[in-house]
Amino acid sequence: MSGSVFVAGHRGMLGHMVTRHLTEKGYTVRTSDARYGGSAADALVASARASDARYVVNCIGRIWQKSMEPADLFLANALFPVHLAQKLRPDQHLFHASTDCVFAGDRGNYAVDDAPDAEDEYGVSKQLGEGVARWPNVSVLRVSIVGTDLGGGHGLLGWFLKQPQDLPVNGYVNHFWNGITTLEWARILVDRIERLERGEAHSPLTQPGTEPIDKYTLLCAFRDAFGTRHEIRPVEAATRIDRTLAPTERRAPIAEQLSALAAERAGPAAPSRAEPRVEIGR
C-alpha cells in the first residue's frame, strides 16, 4: 500500500509509533512542527487540510501526568479535534485517538454506547473530543494504550522501564485494564485505512480491546516482554478502579502485543526506520 497520511503529534508516544508503522507499510507520512494554538487560522490545522493526505491521524493528546491545567487539557483534547474535523476537506478522513478515561471507573465493562461519566477535567476533556464522531468522515478509536516514549516516559510503560531494577515496584491488584499497545493501535489504523480504500463502511466509534487484567499482572507482562529484573509486589490501592471496555473488536493477548512491541523497539534499524518518509511542514 502507498499514499500519504498526515500525522498530528508525530513525536509523541502514540504518534511516533504510528509514523514508524505507516512508513514500514509503504506510506509517506506528512506532518507539521506547528503547535496548536486554537486560533481560527491555526497553522497545524491548515497544514493538515492543505496536505495531499487523504487520511489524517490525530495522535495529539494532553495527559494529566504532563499538565493538570484545565486550559491545556481542553485545548488539546477537546478543541483541537473538533477544529480539525470542522476544517478538513470533504475527501479527507480523520482518525482520532480517545481513551477509557472518559469513564469514571466504578464498574468496568463499559459498552460502546454507554454514556461517558468521568467528572475529572482530563476525562471530561476527552469526552468532548469524542464529539467528532458525529462527523461523517471521522473514526474514533476509544481504548487505553501503553507504549514506549521517545523522550521522558510519561506513560505507564515508559515509567516502568525507568524504575531501578534493584528496587521493588508496586502493582495494583484492584485497578483493572484491557487496552492495547501503541503498535497494535497503529496496526488497527492501517487495517482501517485499507478497508476505506476498498470502499467499506466505517464505524464512527469503536473499542478494540483485550481480556481484562489487573495492573499488577500488566506490570509483570512488561517485565517479561522487556526482559527486566524488577520485583513486582501485588498491592491494593485505596480506591478500586475498573475502566475496562466491552470490546467491539478483540485483539491479540496483551503479552503477545508487548512481545511484538519489545521486538520492534530492539530490532535493527531497517532503511525505513533510518530514513522514514516523513515530510514536515510549518
C-alpha atoms as a PDB file:
ATOM      1  CA  MET A   1       0.000   0.000   0.000  1.00  0.00           C
ATOM      2  CA  SER A   2       1.197   3.512  -0.720  1.00  0.00           C
ATOM      3  CA  GLY A   3      -0.104   7.028  -0.340  1.00  0.00           C
ATOM      4  CA  SER A   4       0.156   9.896   2.107  1.00  0.00           C
ATOM      5  CA  VAL A   5      -1.105  10.087   5.677  1.00  0.00           C
ATOM      6  CA  PHE A   6      -0.919  13.222   7.836  1.00  0.00           C
ATOM      7  CA  VAL A   7       0.020  12.502  11.462  1.00  0.00           C
ATOM      8  CA  ALA A   8      -0.560  15.204  14.069  1.00  0.00           C
ATOM      9  CA  GLY A   9       1.665  14.617  17.090  1.00  0.00           C
ATOM     10  CA  HIS A  10       4.302  12.516  15.323  1.00  0.00           C
ATOM     11  CA  ARG A  11       6.813  12.714  18.187  1.00  0.00           C
ATOM     12  CA  GLY A  12       4.505  11.561  20.982  1.00  0.00           C
ATOM     13  CA  MET A  13       4.106   8.102  22.486  1.00  0.00           C
ATOM     14  CA  LEU A  14       1.412   7.096  20.005  1.00  0.00           C
ATOM     15  CA  GLY A  15       2.406   9.344  17.123  1.00  0.00           C
ATOM     16  CA  HIS A  16       5.992   8.163  16.743  1.00  0.00           C
ATOM     17  CA  MET A  17       4.853   4.526  16.597  1.00  0.00           C
ATOM     18  CA  VAL A  18       2.092   5.342  14.108  1.00  0.00           C
ATOM     19  CA  THR A  19       4.628   7.221  11.968  1.00  0.00           C
ATOM     20  CA  ARG A  20       7.087   4.324  12.061  1.00  0.00           C
ATOM     21  CA  HIS A  21       4.482   1.682  11.253  1.00  0.00           C
ATOM     22  CA  LEU A  22       2.920   3.664   8.407  1.00  0.00           C
ATOM     23  CA  THR A  23       6.372   4.177   6.899  1.00  0.00           C
ATOM     24  CA  GLU A  24       7.164   0.476   7.166  1.00  0.00           C
ATOM     25  CA  LYS A  25       3.896  -0.275   5.360  1.00  0.00           C
ATOM     26  CA  GLY A  26       4.862   1.956   2.443  1.00  0.00           C
ATOM     27  CA  TYR A  27       3.039   5.172   3.290  1.00  0.00           C
ATOM     28  CA  THR A  28       4.562   8.632   3.181  1.00  0.00           C
ATOM     29  CA  VAL A  29       3.875  10.498   6.403  1.00  0.00           C
ATOM     30  CA  ARG A  30       3.129  14.212   6.276  1.00  0.00           C
ATOM     31  CA  THR A  31       3.219  16.244   9.452  1.00  0.00           C
ATOM     32  CA  SER A  32       3.954  19.684  10.848  1.00  0.00           C
ATOM     33  CA  ASP A  33       6.076  21.166  13.608  1.00  0.00           C
ATOM     34  CA  ALA A  34       3.436  23.841  14.235  1.00  0.00           C
ATOM     35  CA  ARG A  35       1.887  23.785  17.712  1.00  0.00           C
ATOM     36  CA  TYR A  36      -1.858  24.068  18.040  1.00  0.00           C
ATOM     37  CA  GLY A  37      -2.837  27.469  19.392  1.00  0.00           C
ATOM     38  CA  GLY A  38      -6.600  27.469  18.950  1.00  0.00           C
ATOM     39  CA  SER A  39      -6.847  30.392  16.537  1.00  0.00           C
ATOM     40  CA  ALA A  40      -9.319  30.348  13.658  1.00  0.00           C
ATOM     41  CA  ALA A  41      -6.446  30.203  11.147  1.00  0.00           C
ATOM     42  CA  ASP A  42      -4.339  27.718  13.102  1.00  0.00           C
ATOM     43  CA  ALA A  43      -1.195  26.626  11.247  1.00  0.00           C
ATOM     44  CA  LEU A  44      -1.373  22.953  12.280  1.00  0.00           C
ATOM     45  CA  VAL A  45      -4.985  22.586  11.158  1.00  0.00           C
ATOM     46  CA  ALA A  46      -4.182  24.435   7.928  1.00  0.00           C
ATOM     47  CA  SER A  47      -1.229  22.113   7.243  1.00  0.00           C
ATOM     48  CA  ALA A  48      -3.406  19.026   7.589  1.00  0.00           C
ATOM     49  CA  ARG A  49      -6.056  20.469   5.281  1.00  0.00           C
ATOM     50  CA  ALA A  50      -3.538  21.632   2.664  1.00  0.00           C
ATOM     51  CA  SER A  51      -1.609  18.354   2.558  1.00  0.00           C
ATOM     52  CA  ASP A  52      -2.105  15.745  -0.150  1.00  0.00           C
ATOM     53  CA  ALA A  53      -3.031  13.205   2.528  1.00  0.00           C
ATOM     54  CA  ARG A  54      -6.460  11.632   2.290  1.00  0.00           C
ATOM     55  CA  TYR A  55      -6.149  10.345   5.852  1.00  0.00           C
ATOM     56  CA  VAL A  56      -5.369  12.458   8.920  1.00  0.00           C
ATOM     57  CA  VAL A  57      -4.469  10.842  12.254  1.00  0.00           C
ATOM     58  CA  ASN A  58      -4.798  12.841  15.461  1.00  0.00           C
ATOM     59  CA  CYS A  59      -2.248  11.487  17.928  1.00  0.00           C
ATOM     60  CA  ILE A  60      -2.152  14.719  19.939  1.00  0.00           C
ATOM     61  CA  GLY A  61      -3.406  14.441  23.482  1.00  0.00           C
ATOM     62  CA  ARG A  62      -2.563  16.128  26.740  1.00  0.00           C
ATOM     63  CA  ILE A  63      -2.408  13.715  29.678  1.00  0.00           C
ATOM     64  CA  TRP A  64      -2.708  14.617  33.342  1.00  0.00           C
ATOM     65  CA  GLN A  65       0.869  13.467  34.026  1.00  0.00           C
ATOM     66  CA  LYS A  66       2.095  16.350  31.838  1.00  0.00           C
ATOM     67  CA  SER A  67      -0.377  19.041  32.848  1.00  0.00           C
ATOM     68  CA  MET A  68      -3.308  19.460  35.175  1.00  0.00           C
ATOM     69  CA  GLU A  69      -4.029  22.933  33.851  1.00  0.00           C
ATOM     70  CA  PRO A  70      -7.630  22.805  32.582  1.00  0.00           C
ATOM     71  CA  ALA A  71      -6.846  25.191  29.720  1.00  0.00           C
ATOM     72  CA  ASP A  72      -4.104  22.869  28.416  1.00  0.00           C
ATOM     73  CA  LEU A  73      -6.285  19.777  28.705  1.00  0.00           C
ATOM     74  CA  PHE A  74      -9.299  21.269  26.959  1.00  0.00           C
ATOM     75  CA  LEU A  75      -7.265  22.949  24.220  1.00  0.00           C
ATOM     76  CA  ALA A  76      -5.500  19.743  23.182  1.00  0.00           C
ATOM     77  CA  ASN A  77      -8.128  17.105  23.962  1.00  0.00           C
ATOM     78  CA  ALA A  78     -11.374  18.886  23.076  1.00  0.00           C
ATOM     79  CA  LEU A  79     -10.881  21.976  20.933  1.00  0.00           C
ATOM     80  CA  PHE A  80      -8.187  20.645  18.605  1.00  0.00           C
ATOM     81  CA  PRO A  81     -10.000  17.506  17.363  1.00  0.00           C
ATOM     82  CA  VAL A  82     -13.230  19.465  16.844  1.00  0.00           C
ATOM     83  CA  HIS A  83     -11.383  22.233  14.990  1.00  0.00           C
ATOM     84  CA  LEU A  84      -9.618  19.628  12.860  1.00  0.00           C
ATOM     85  CA  ALA A  85     -12.833  17.777  11.997  1.00  0.00           C
ATOM     86  CA  GLN A  86     -14.526  21.024  11.027  1.00  0.00           C
ATOM     87  CA  LYS A  87     -11.741  22.249   8.749  1.00  0.00           C
ATOM     88  CA  LEU A  88     -10.645  19.118   6.898  1.00  0.00           C
ATOM     89  CA  ARG A  89     -11.601  18.757   3.254  1.00  0.00           C
ATOM     90  CA  PRO A  90     -14.637  16.590   2.424  1.00  0.00           C
ATOM     91  CA  ASP A  91     -12.324  13.998   0.830  1.00  0.00           C
ATOM     92  CA  GLN A  92     -10.201  13.633   3.979  1.00  0.00           C
ATOM     93  CA  HIS A  93     -10.910  11.110   6.745  1.00  0.00           C
ATOM     94  CA  LEU A  94      -9.914  11.764  10.361  1.00  0.00           C
ATOM     95  CA  PHE A  95      -8.824   9.076  12.824  1.00  0.00           C
ATOM     96  CA  HIS A  96      -8.977  10.294  16.420  1.00  0.00           C
ATOM     97  CA  ALA A  97      -7.474   8.574  19.486  1.00  0.00           C
ATOM     98  CA  SER A  98      -9.637   8.509  22.607  1.00  0.00           C
ATOM     99  CA  THR A  99      -9.309   6.665  25.911  1.00  0.00           C
ATOM    100  CA  ASP A 100     -11.072   4.608  28.569  1.00  0.00           C
ATOM    101  CA  CYS A 101     -10.694   7.601  30.900  1.00  0.00           C
ATOM    102  CA  VAL A 102     -13.967   9.018  29.554  1.00  0.00           C
ATOM    103  CA  PHE A 103     -15.476   6.693  32.187  1.00  0.00           C
ATOM    104  CA  ALA A 104     -15.286   7.094  35.956  1.00  0.00           C
ATOM    105  CA  GLY A 105     -14.173   3.506  36.526  1.00  0.00           C
ATOM    106  CA  ASP A 106     -16.847   2.479  39.025  1.00  0.00           C
ATOM    107  CA  ARG A 107     -17.913  -0.776  37.349  1.00  0.00           C
ATOM    108  CA  GLY A 108     -15.994  -1.671  34.159  1.00  0.00           C
ATOM    109  CA  ASN A 109     -17.107  -3.499  31.008  1.00  0.00           C
ATOM    110  CA  TYR A 110     -18.364  -0.222  29.535  1.00  0.00           C
ATOM    111  CA  ALA A 111     -20.203  -0.693  26.238  1.00  0.00           C
ATOM    112  CA  VAL A 112     -19.503   1.489  23.239  1.00  0.00           C
ATOM    113  CA  ASP A 113     -22.896   3.166  23.612  1.00  0.00           C
ATOM    114  CA  ASP A 114     -22.667   3.758  27.377  1.00  0.00           C
ATOM    115  CA  ALA A 115     -22.722   7.435  28.289  1.00  0.00           C
ATOM    116  CA  PRO A 116     -19.290   8.651  29.445  1.00  0.00           C
ATOM    117  CA  ASP A 117     -19.441   9.600  33.126  1.00  0.00           C
ATOM    118  CA  ALA A 118     -15.963  10.815  34.112  1.00  0.00           C
ATOM    119  CA  GLU A 119     -16.084  14.017  36.146  1.00  0.00           C
ATOM    120  CA  ASP A 120     -12.397  14.920  36.355  1.00  0.00           C
ATOM    121  CA  GLU A 121     -11.076  17.552  33.963  1.00  0.00           C
ATOM    122  CA  TYR A 122      -8.985  15.131  31.921  1.00  0.00           C
ATOM    123  CA  GLY A 123     -11.865  12.704  31.433  1.00  0.00           C
ATOM    124  CA  VAL A 124     -14.305  15.468  30.528  1.00  0.00           C
ATOM    125  CA  SER A 125     -11.860  16.947  28.008  1.00  0.00           C
ATOM    126  CA  LYS A 126     -11.548  13.551  26.305  1.00  0.00           C
ATOM    127  CA  GLN A 127     -15.339  13.143  26.317  1.00  0.00           C
ATOM    128  CA  LEU A 128     -15.712  16.427  24.462  1.00  0.00           C
ATOM    129  CA  GLY A 129     -13.092  15.388  21.935  1.00  0.00           C
ATOM    130  CA  GLU A 130     -15.092  12.257  21.146  1.00  0.00           C
ATOM    131  CA  GLY A 131     -17.816  14.541  19.808  1.00  0.00           C
ATOM    132  CA  VAL A 132     -16.023  14.448  16.449  1.00  0.00           C
ATOM    133  CA  ALA A 133     -17.582  11.010  15.914  1.00  0.00           C
ATOM    134  CA  ARG A 134     -20.700  12.884  14.766  1.00  0.00           C
ATOM    135  CA  TRP A 135     -18.913  13.974  11.594  1.00  0.00           C
ATOM    136  CA  PRO A 136     -19.402  11.557   8.674  1.00  0.00           C
ATOM    137  CA  ASN A 137     -15.682  11.350   7.831  1.00  0.00           C
ATOM    138  CA  VAL A 138     -14.338  10.579  11.321  1.00  0.00           C
ATOM    139  CA  SER A 139     -13.368   7.349  13.087  1.00  0.00           C
ATOM    140  CA  VAL A 140     -12.756   7.424  16.854  1.00  0.00           C
ATOM    141  CA  LEU A 141     -10.779   4.621  18.494  1.00  0.00           C
ATOM    142  CA  ARG A 142     -11.589   4.541  22.211  1.00  0.00           C
ATOM    143  CA  VAL A 143      -9.015   2.410  24.028  1.00  0.00           C
ATOM    144  CA  SER A 144      -6.267   2.724  26.621  1.00  0.00           C
ATOM    145  CA  ILE A 145      -2.756   2.359  25.202  1.00  0.00           C
ATOM    146  CA  VAL A 146       0.697   1.509  26.519  1.00  0.00           C
ATOM    147  CA  GLY A 147       3.890   2.143  24.622  1.00  0.00           C
ATOM    148  CA  THR A 148       7.448   3.359  24.688  1.00  0.00           C
ATOM    149  CA  ASP A 149       8.305   7.055  24.580  1.00  0.00           C
ATOM    150  CA  LEU A 150      10.881   8.974  22.596  1.00  0.00           C
ATOM    151  CA  GLY A 151      11.509  11.323  25.493  1.00  0.00           C
ATOM    152  CA  GLY A 152      10.673  11.493  29.158  1.00  0.00           C
ATOM    153  CA  GLY A 153       8.434   8.489  29.555  1.00  0.00           C
ATOM    154  CA  HIS A 154       5.197   9.876  30.967  1.00  0.00           C
ATOM    155  CA  GLY A 155       3.176   6.746  30.135  1.00  0.00           C
ATOM    156  CA  LEU A 156       2.941   3.647  32.323  1.00  0.00           C
ATOM    157  CA  LEU A 157       5.380   1.532  30.307  1.00  0.00           C
ATOM    158  CA  GLY A 158       7.892   4.364  29.998  1.00  0.00           C
ATOM    159  CA  TRP A 159       7.654   4.945  33.736  1.00  0.00           C
ATOM    160  CA  PHE A 160       8.124   1.242  34.470  1.00  0.00           C
ATOM    161  CA  LEU A 161      11.207   0.912  32.273  1.00  0.00           C
ATOM    162  CA  LYS A 162      12.842   3.837  34.088  1.00  0.00           C
ATOM    163  CA  GLN A 163      12.450   2.287  37.557  1.00  0.00           C
ATOM    164  CA  PRO A 164      15.636   0.962  39.206  1.00  0.00           C
ATOM    165  CA  GLN A 165      15.735  -2.798  38.744  1.00  0.00           C
ATOM    166  CA  ASP A 166      17.124  -3.407  42.223  1.00  0.00           C
ATOM    167  CA  LEU A 167      14.048  -1.904  43.887  1.00  0.00           C
ATOM    168  CA  PRO A 168      10.532  -3.403  44.065  1.00  0.00           C
ATOM    169  CA  VAL A 169       7.664  -1.923  42.068  1.00  0.00           C
ATOM    170  CA  ASN A 170       4.094  -1.979  43.362  1.00  0.00           C
ATOM    171  CA  GLY A 171       1.342  -3.283  41.081  1.00  0.00           C
ATOM    172  CA  TYR A 172      -2.292  -2.661  41.960  1.00  0.00           C
ATOM    173  CA  VAL A 173      -4.457  -5.764  42.083  1.00  0.00           C
ATOM    174  CA  ASN A 174      -7.680  -3.710  42.220  1.00  0.00           C
ATOM    175  CA  HIS A 175      -7.029  -1.495  39.173  1.00  0.00           C
ATOM    176  CA  PHE A 176      -8.278  -3.207  36.020  1.00  0.00           C
ATOM    177  CA  TRP A 177      -7.322  -2.645  32.379  1.00  0.00           C
ATOM    178  CA  ASN A 178      -7.883  -4.162  28.935  1.00  0.00           C
ATOM    179  CA  GLY A 179      -6.134  -1.868  26.483  1.00  0.00           C
ATOM    180  CA  ILE A 180      -3.622  -2.391  23.691  1.00  0.00           C
ATOM    181  CA  THR A 181      -0.090  -1.334  22.733  1.00  0.00           C
ATOM    182  CA  THR A 182       0.709   1.639  20.522  1.00  0.00           C
ATOM    183  CA  LEU A 183       1.980  -0.786  17.875  1.00  0.00           C
ATOM    184  CA  GLU A 184      -1.362  -2.602  17.907  1.00  0.00           C
ATOM    185  CA  TRP A 185      -3.151   0.765  17.574  1.00  0.00           C
ATOM    186  CA  ALA A 186      -1.014   1.512  14.507  1.00  0.00           C
ATOM    187  CA  ARG A 187      -1.861  -1.893  13.041  1.00  0.00           C
ATOM    188  CA  ILE A 188      -5.566  -1.215  13.531  1.00  0.00           C
ATOM    189  CA  LEU A 189      -5.140   2.141  11.804  1.00  0.00           C
ATOM    190  CA  VAL A 190      -3.568   0.573   8.715  1.00  0.00           C
ATOM    191  CA  ASP A 191      -6.354  -2.015   8.601  1.00  0.00           C
ATOM    192  CA  ARG A 192      -8.993   0.751   8.794  1.00  0.00           C
ATOM    193  CA  ILE A 193      -7.303   2.716   6.010  1.00  0.00           C
ATOM    194  CA  GLU A 194      -7.195  -0.361   3.791  1.00  0.00           C
ATOM    195  CA  ARG A 195     -10.883  -1.004   4.433  1.00  0.00           C
ATOM    196  CA  LEU A 196     -11.778   2.552   3.477  1.00  0.00           C
ATOM    197  CA  GLU A 197      -9.670   2.214   0.332  1.00  0.00           C
ATOM    198  CA  ARG A 198     -11.778  -0.829  -0.579  1.00  0.00           C
ATOM    199  CA  GLY A 199     -14.918   1.243  -0.164  1.00  0.00           C
ATOM    200  CA  GLU A 200     -16.080  -0.432   3.053  1.00  0.00           C
ATOM    201  CA  ALA A 201     -18.195   1.473   5.557  1.00  0.00           C
ATOM    202  CA  HIS A 202     -16.599   2.633   8.797  1.00  0.00           C
ATOM    203  CA  SER A 203     -17.881   2.745  12.369  1.00  0.00           C
ATOM    204  CA  PRO A 204     -17.711   6.214  13.941  1.00  0.00           C
ATOM    205  CA  LEU A 205     -16.715   4.856  17.379  1.00  0.00           C
ATOM    206  CA  THR A 206     -15.024   1.549  18.150  1.00  0.00           C
ATOM    207  CA  GLN A 207     -13.448  -0.056  21.231  1.00  0.00           C
ATOM    208  CA  PRO A 208     -10.681  -2.511  20.333  1.00  0.00           C
ATOM    209  CA  GLY A 209      -9.535  -4.372  23.407  1.00  0.00           C
ATOM    210  CA  THR A 210      -8.146  -7.415  25.172  1.00  0.00           C
ATOM    211  CA  GLU A 211      -9.035  -9.654  28.111  1.00  0.00           C
ATOM    212  CA  PRO A 212      -9.251  -7.661  31.374  1.00  0.00           C
ATOM    213  CA  ILE A 213      -6.288  -7.928  33.731  1.00  0.00           C
ATOM    214  CA  ASP A 214      -5.180  -6.044  36.833  1.00  0.00           C
ATOM    215  CA  LYS A 215      -2.289  -3.581  36.828  1.00  0.00           C
ATOM    216  CA  TYR A 216      -0.102  -5.998  38.802  1.00  0.00           C
ATOM    217  CA  THR A 217      -0.444  -8.551  36.002  1.00  0.00           C
ATOM    218  CA  LEU A 218       0.202  -5.835  33.426  1.00  0.00           C
ATOM    219  CA  LEU A 219       3.470  -4.827  35.108  1.00  0.00           C
ATOM    220  CA  CYS A 220       4.512  -8.478  35.201  1.00  0.00           C
ATOM    221  CA  ALA A 221       3.817  -8.644  31.459  1.00  0.00           C
ATOM    222  CA  PHE A 222       6.009  -5.551  30.963  1.00  0.00           C
ATOM    223  CA  ARG A 223       8.834  -7.239  32.857  1.00  0.00           C
ATOM    224  CA  ASP A 224       8.553 -10.476  30.905  1.00  0.00           C
ATOM    225  CA  ALA A 225       8.332  -8.831  27.474  1.00  0.00           C
ATOM    226  CA  PHE A 226      11.194  -6.378  28.007  1.00  0.00           C
ATOM    227  CA  GLY A 227      13.424  -8.723  29.998  1.00  0.00           C
ATOM    228  CA  THR A 228      13.865  -6.607  33.111  1.00  0.00           C
ATOM    229  CA  ARG A 229      14.631  -7.911  36.603  1.00  0.00           C
ATOM    230  CA  HIS A 230      12.022  -5.931  38.522  1.00  0.00           C
ATOM    231  CA  GLU A 231      10.387  -7.482  41.554  1.00  0.00           C
ATOM    232  CA  ILE A 232       6.705  -6.584  41.321  1.00  0.00           C
ATOM    233  CA  ARG A 233       4.676  -6.593  44.506  1.00  0.00           C
ATOM    234  CA  PRO A 234       0.896  -7.089  44.442  1.00  0.00           C
ATOM    235  CA  VAL A 235      -0.741  -4.339  46.496  1.00  0.00           C
ATOM    236  CA  GLU A 236      -4.222  -2.899  46.890  1.00  0.00           C
ATOM    237  CA  ALA A 237      -4.822   0.738  46.040  1.00  0.00           C
ATOM    238  CA  ALA A 238      -7.013   2.812  48.324  1.00  0.00           C
ATOM    239  CA  THR A 239      -9.674   3.013  45.600  1.00  0.00           C
ATOM    240  CA  ARG A 240     -10.784   0.265  43.221  1.00  0.00           C
ATOM    241  CA  ILE A 241     -10.793   1.400  39.569  1.00  0.00           C
ATOM    242  CA  ASP A 242     -12.218  -0.561  36.654  1.00  0.00           C
ATOM    243  CA  ARG A 243     -12.346   1.280  33.329  1.00  0.00           C
ATOM    244  CA  THR A 244     -12.328  -1.855  31.209  1.00  0.00           C
ATOM    245  CA  LEU A 245     -14.270  -1.570  27.962  1.00  0.00           C
ATOM    246  CA  ALA A 246     -16.521  -4.130  26.304  1.00  0.00           C
ATOM    247  CA  PRO A 247     -14.518  -4.655  23.100  1.00  0.00           C
ATOM    248  CA  THR A 248     -16.173  -4.152  19.740  1.00  0.00           C
ATOM    249  CA  GLU A 249     -13.108  -5.943  18.378  1.00  0.00           C
ATOM    250  CA  ARG A 250     -10.996  -8.329  20.417  1.00  0.00           C
ATOM    251  CA  ARG A 251      -7.271  -8.128  19.733  1.00  0.00           C
ATOM    252  CA  ALA A 252      -4.357 -10.480  20.455  1.00  0.00           C
ATOM    253  CA  PRO A 253      -3.450 -11.136  24.120  1.00  0.00           C
ATOM    254  CA  ILE A 254      -1.533  -8.261  25.672  1.00  0.00           C
ATOM    255  CA  ALA A 255       1.528 -10.456  26.345  1.00  0.00           C
ATOM    256  CA  GLU A 256       1.756 -11.164  22.621  1.00  0.00           C
ATOM    257  CA  GLN A 257       1.344  -7.482  21.781  1.00  0.00           C
ATOM    258  CA  LEU A 258       4.050  -6.469  24.261  1.00  0.00           C
ATOM    259  CA  SER A 259       6.472  -9.024  22.834  1.00  0.00           C
ATOM    260  CA  ALA A 260       5.927  -7.536  19.374  1.00  0.00           C
ATOM    261  CA  LEU A 261       6.446  -4.034  20.770  1.00  0.00           C
ATOM    262  CA  ALA A 262       9.674  -5.057  22.504  1.00  0.00           C
ATOM    263  CA  ALA A 263      10.949  -6.662  19.297  1.00  0.00           C
ATOM    264  CA  GLU A 264      10.100  -3.503  17.356  1.00  0.00           C
ATOM    265  CA  ARG A 265      11.961  -1.401  19.909  1.00  0.00           C
ATOM    266  CA  ALA A 266      15.052  -3.612  19.951  1.00  0.00           C
ATOM    267  CA  GLY A 267      15.168  -4.558  16.271  1.00  0.00           C
ATOM    268  CA  PRO A 268      17.854  -3.441  13.810  1.00  0.00           C
ATOM    269  CA  ALA A 269      17.473  -0.106  12.067  1.00  0.00           C
ATOM    270  CA  ALA A 270      15.850  -1.054   8.788  1.00  0.00           C
ATOM    271  CA  PRO A 271      16.086   1.505   5.961  1.00  0.00           C
ATOM    272  CA  SER A 272      12.509   2.589   6.595  1.00  0.00           C
ATOM    273  CA  ARG A 273      13.416   3.333  10.216  1.00  0.00           C
ATOM    274  CA  ALA A 274      16.701   5.029   9.482  1.00  0.00           C
ATOM    275  CA  GLU A 275      15.229   7.255   6.787  1.00  0.00           C
ATOM    276  CA  PRO A 276      11.455   7.385   7.298  1.00  0.00           C
ATOM    277  CA  ARG A 277       9.488   9.080   4.587  1.00  0.00           C
ATOM    278  CA  VAL A 278       8.275  11.901   6.775  1.00  0.00           C
ATOM    279  CA  GLU A 279       7.751  15.351   5.342  1.00  0.00           C
ATOM    280  CA  ILE A 280       7.440  18.128   7.908  1.00  0.00           C
ATOM    281  CA  GLY A 281       5.698  21.370   7.075  1.00  0.00           C
ATOM    282  CA  ARG A 282       5.441  24.558   9.047  1.00  0.00           C
END
